[in-house]
N, C-alpha and C. Protein backbone atom coordinates (compact mmCIF):
# COMPACT_ATOMS: atom_id res chain seq x y z
N MET A 1 19.08 55.12 21.09
CA MET A 1 17.77 54.56 20.78
C MET A 1 16.84 54.75 21.96
N SER A 2 15.64 55.06 21.63
CA SER A 2 14.67 55.24 22.70
C SER A 2 13.97 53.92 22.99
N VAL A 3 13.21 53.88 24.05
CA VAL A 3 12.49 52.67 24.47
C VAL A 3 11.45 52.28 23.43
N LYS A 4 10.84 53.24 22.78
CA LYS A 4 9.83 52.95 21.76
C LYS A 4 10.44 52.20 20.58
N ASN A 5 11.62 52.60 20.13
CA ASN A 5 12.28 51.94 19.00
C ASN A 5 12.69 50.50 19.35
N ILE A 6 13.13 50.27 20.57
CA ILE A 6 13.52 48.92 20.98
C ILE A 6 12.31 48.00 21.00
N LYS A 7 11.18 48.49 21.44
CA LYS A 7 9.97 47.68 21.50
C LYS A 7 9.54 47.24 20.10
N PHE A 8 9.66 48.11 19.12
CA PHE A 8 9.24 47.76 17.76
C PHE A 8 10.21 46.78 17.10
N MET A 9 11.44 46.73 17.55
CA MET A 9 12.43 45.84 16.95
C MET A 9 12.32 44.40 17.45
N GLN A 10 11.62 44.19 18.54
CA GLN A 10 11.48 42.85 19.08
C GLN A 10 10.63 42.00 18.14
N SER A 11 10.99 40.73 18.03
CA SER A 11 10.18 39.84 17.19
C SER A 11 9.90 38.59 18.00
N GLY A 12 8.83 37.92 17.65
CA GLY A 12 8.44 36.69 18.34
C GLY A 12 7.05 36.28 17.92
N ARG A 13 6.61 35.27 18.56
CA ARG A 13 5.29 34.73 18.22
C ARG A 13 4.26 35.24 19.22
N SER A 14 3.09 35.52 18.73
CA SER A 14 2.03 35.94 19.63
C SER A 14 1.27 34.72 20.13
N MET A 15 0.50 34.93 21.14
CA MET A 15 -0.27 33.84 21.74
C MET A 15 -1.29 33.30 20.73
N VAL A 16 -1.86 34.14 19.92
CA VAL A 16 -2.83 33.70 18.91
C VAL A 16 -2.17 32.78 17.89
N GLU A 17 -0.98 33.12 17.47
CA GLU A 17 -0.25 32.27 16.52
C GLU A 17 0.04 30.90 17.13
N MET A 18 0.47 30.89 18.40
CA MET A 18 0.78 29.62 19.08
C MET A 18 -0.48 28.76 19.23
N LEU A 19 -1.60 29.39 19.54
CA LEU A 19 -2.85 28.64 19.64
C LEU A 19 -3.25 28.08 18.28
N GLY A 20 -2.99 28.83 17.23
CA GLY A 20 -3.27 28.33 15.88
C GLY A 20 -2.42 27.12 15.55
N VAL A 21 -1.15 27.18 15.89
CA VAL A 21 -0.25 26.05 15.65
C VAL A 21 -0.71 24.84 16.44
N LEU A 22 -1.08 25.02 17.70
CA LEU A 22 -1.57 23.91 18.52
C LEU A 22 -2.85 23.31 17.95
N ALA A 23 -3.72 24.16 17.44
CA ALA A 23 -4.96 23.66 16.84
C ALA A 23 -4.67 22.81 15.61
N ILE A 24 -3.76 23.28 14.78
CA ILE A 24 -3.39 22.52 13.58
C ILE A 24 -2.76 21.20 13.96
N MET A 25 -1.88 21.21 14.96
CA MET A 25 -1.27 19.96 15.42
C MET A 25 -2.31 19.00 15.96
N GLY A 26 -3.30 19.51 16.65
CA GLY A 26 -4.38 18.67 17.16
C GLY A 26 -5.17 18.01 16.05
N VAL A 27 -5.50 18.78 15.05
CA VAL A 27 -6.26 18.22 13.91
C VAL A 27 -5.44 17.16 13.19
N LEU A 28 -4.17 17.42 12.97
CA LEU A 28 -3.32 16.43 12.30
C LEU A 28 -3.16 15.17 13.15
N SER A 29 -3.07 15.34 14.46
CA SER A 29 -2.94 14.18 15.35
C SER A 29 -4.19 13.32 15.30
N ILE A 30 -5.34 13.94 15.32
CA ILE A 30 -6.61 13.19 15.26
C ILE A 30 -6.70 12.45 13.94
N GLY A 31 -6.30 13.09 12.85
CA GLY A 31 -6.31 12.43 11.54
C GLY A 31 -5.35 11.25 11.51
N GLY A 32 -4.19 11.41 12.12
CA GLY A 32 -3.22 10.32 12.17
C GLY A 32 -3.73 9.15 12.98
N ILE A 33 -4.36 9.43 14.10
CA ILE A 33 -4.90 8.36 14.94
C ILE A 33 -6.02 7.63 14.22
N ALA A 34 -6.87 8.37 13.52
CA ALA A 34 -7.96 7.74 12.77
C ALA A 34 -7.39 6.85 11.65
N GLY A 35 -6.39 7.33 10.95
CA GLY A 35 -5.77 6.54 9.89
C GLY A 35 -5.10 5.30 10.44
N TYR A 36 -4.45 5.43 11.58
CA TYR A 36 -3.79 4.29 12.21
C TYR A 36 -4.83 3.25 12.63
N SER A 37 -5.95 3.69 13.18
CA SER A 37 -7.00 2.76 13.60
C SER A 37 -7.55 1.99 12.41
N LYS A 38 -7.77 2.68 11.31
CA LYS A 38 -8.27 2.01 10.10
C LYS A 38 -7.27 1.00 9.57
N ALA A 39 -6.00 1.38 9.59
CA ALA A 39 -4.95 0.48 9.10
C ALA A 39 -4.86 -0.77 9.98
N MET A 40 -4.95 -0.59 11.28
CA MET A 40 -4.89 -1.74 12.19
C MET A 40 -6.09 -2.65 12.01
N MET A 41 -7.27 -2.08 11.80
CA MET A 41 -8.46 -2.90 11.59
C MET A 41 -8.31 -3.70 10.30
N LYS A 42 -7.82 -3.05 9.26
CA LYS A 42 -7.62 -3.74 7.98
C LYS A 42 -6.58 -4.86 8.13
N TYR A 43 -5.50 -4.60 8.88
CA TYR A 43 -4.47 -5.61 9.11
C TYR A 43 -5.06 -6.81 9.84
N LYS A 44 -5.87 -6.57 10.87
CA LYS A 44 -6.47 -7.67 11.64
C LYS A 44 -7.43 -8.49 10.78
N ILE A 45 -8.19 -7.82 9.93
CA ILE A 45 -9.12 -8.53 9.03
C ILE A 45 -8.34 -9.40 8.05
N ASN A 46 -7.28 -8.84 7.47
CA ASN A 46 -6.46 -9.61 6.52
C ASN A 46 -5.78 -10.79 7.21
N LYS A 47 -5.29 -10.58 8.42
CA LYS A 47 -4.63 -11.65 9.17
C LYS A 47 -5.61 -12.78 9.47
N THR A 48 -6.82 -12.43 9.89
CA THR A 48 -7.85 -13.43 10.18
C THR A 48 -8.25 -14.18 8.91
N SER A 49 -8.38 -13.46 7.81
CA SER A 49 -8.74 -14.10 6.54
C SER A 49 -7.66 -15.10 6.12
N ASP A 50 -6.40 -14.73 6.28
CA ASP A 50 -5.29 -15.63 5.94
C ASP A 50 -5.33 -16.88 6.82
N GLN A 51 -5.64 -16.70 8.10
CA GLN A 51 -5.72 -17.85 9.00
C GLN A 51 -6.85 -18.78 8.60
N ILE A 52 -7.98 -18.23 8.19
CA ILE A 52 -9.11 -19.05 7.76
C ILE A 52 -8.75 -19.82 6.50
N VAL A 53 -8.07 -19.17 5.57
CA VAL A 53 -7.65 -19.85 4.34
C VAL A 53 -6.71 -21.00 4.67
N GLN A 54 -5.79 -20.79 5.62
CA GLN A 54 -4.86 -21.85 6.02
C GLN A 54 -5.61 -23.02 6.67
N ILE A 55 -6.60 -22.72 7.50
CA ILE A 55 -7.38 -23.79 8.13
C ILE A 55 -8.14 -24.59 7.08
N VAL A 56 -8.79 -23.91 6.16
CA VAL A 56 -9.54 -24.60 5.10
C VAL A 56 -8.60 -25.44 4.25
N SER A 57 -7.44 -24.90 3.92
CA SER A 57 -6.47 -25.65 3.13
C SER A 57 -6.00 -26.89 3.88
N GLY A 58 -5.75 -26.74 5.17
CA GLY A 58 -5.34 -27.88 5.99
C GLY A 58 -6.41 -28.95 6.06
N LEU A 59 -7.65 -28.53 6.21
CA LEU A 59 -8.76 -29.49 6.26
C LEU A 59 -8.92 -30.22 4.93
N ARG A 60 -8.80 -29.49 3.85
CA ARG A 60 -8.92 -30.13 2.53
C ARG A 60 -7.81 -31.16 2.33
N THR A 61 -6.59 -30.78 2.75
CA THR A 61 -5.46 -31.71 2.63
C THR A 61 -5.70 -32.94 3.49
N MET A 62 -6.19 -32.74 4.69
CA MET A 62 -6.43 -33.84 5.61
C MET A 62 -7.49 -34.80 5.06
N TYR A 63 -8.59 -34.27 4.54
CA TYR A 63 -9.69 -35.12 4.07
C TYR A 63 -9.48 -35.63 2.64
N SER A 64 -8.57 -35.01 1.89
CA SER A 64 -8.34 -35.51 0.53
C SER A 64 -7.61 -36.85 0.53
N SER A 65 -6.85 -37.13 1.59
CA SER A 65 -6.13 -38.40 1.64
C SER A 65 -7.04 -39.54 2.09
N GLN A 66 -8.21 -39.25 2.56
CA GLN A 66 -9.12 -40.32 3.01
C GLN A 66 -10.08 -40.76 1.94
């Protein structure tokens, strides 16, 4: 086999392909972080709403006996 044939038989990833993969991973990561932030904000709002409902319920119970 000559040197030319060996060079054509090599396989691997090019730098452009790797940059493309990194770009896709970056976009997916940003989307995941944005989704996580929205989920956490929704969780905090729901948690606060539940606490307010518990406080109101406690106050009603406290004043209903008087």
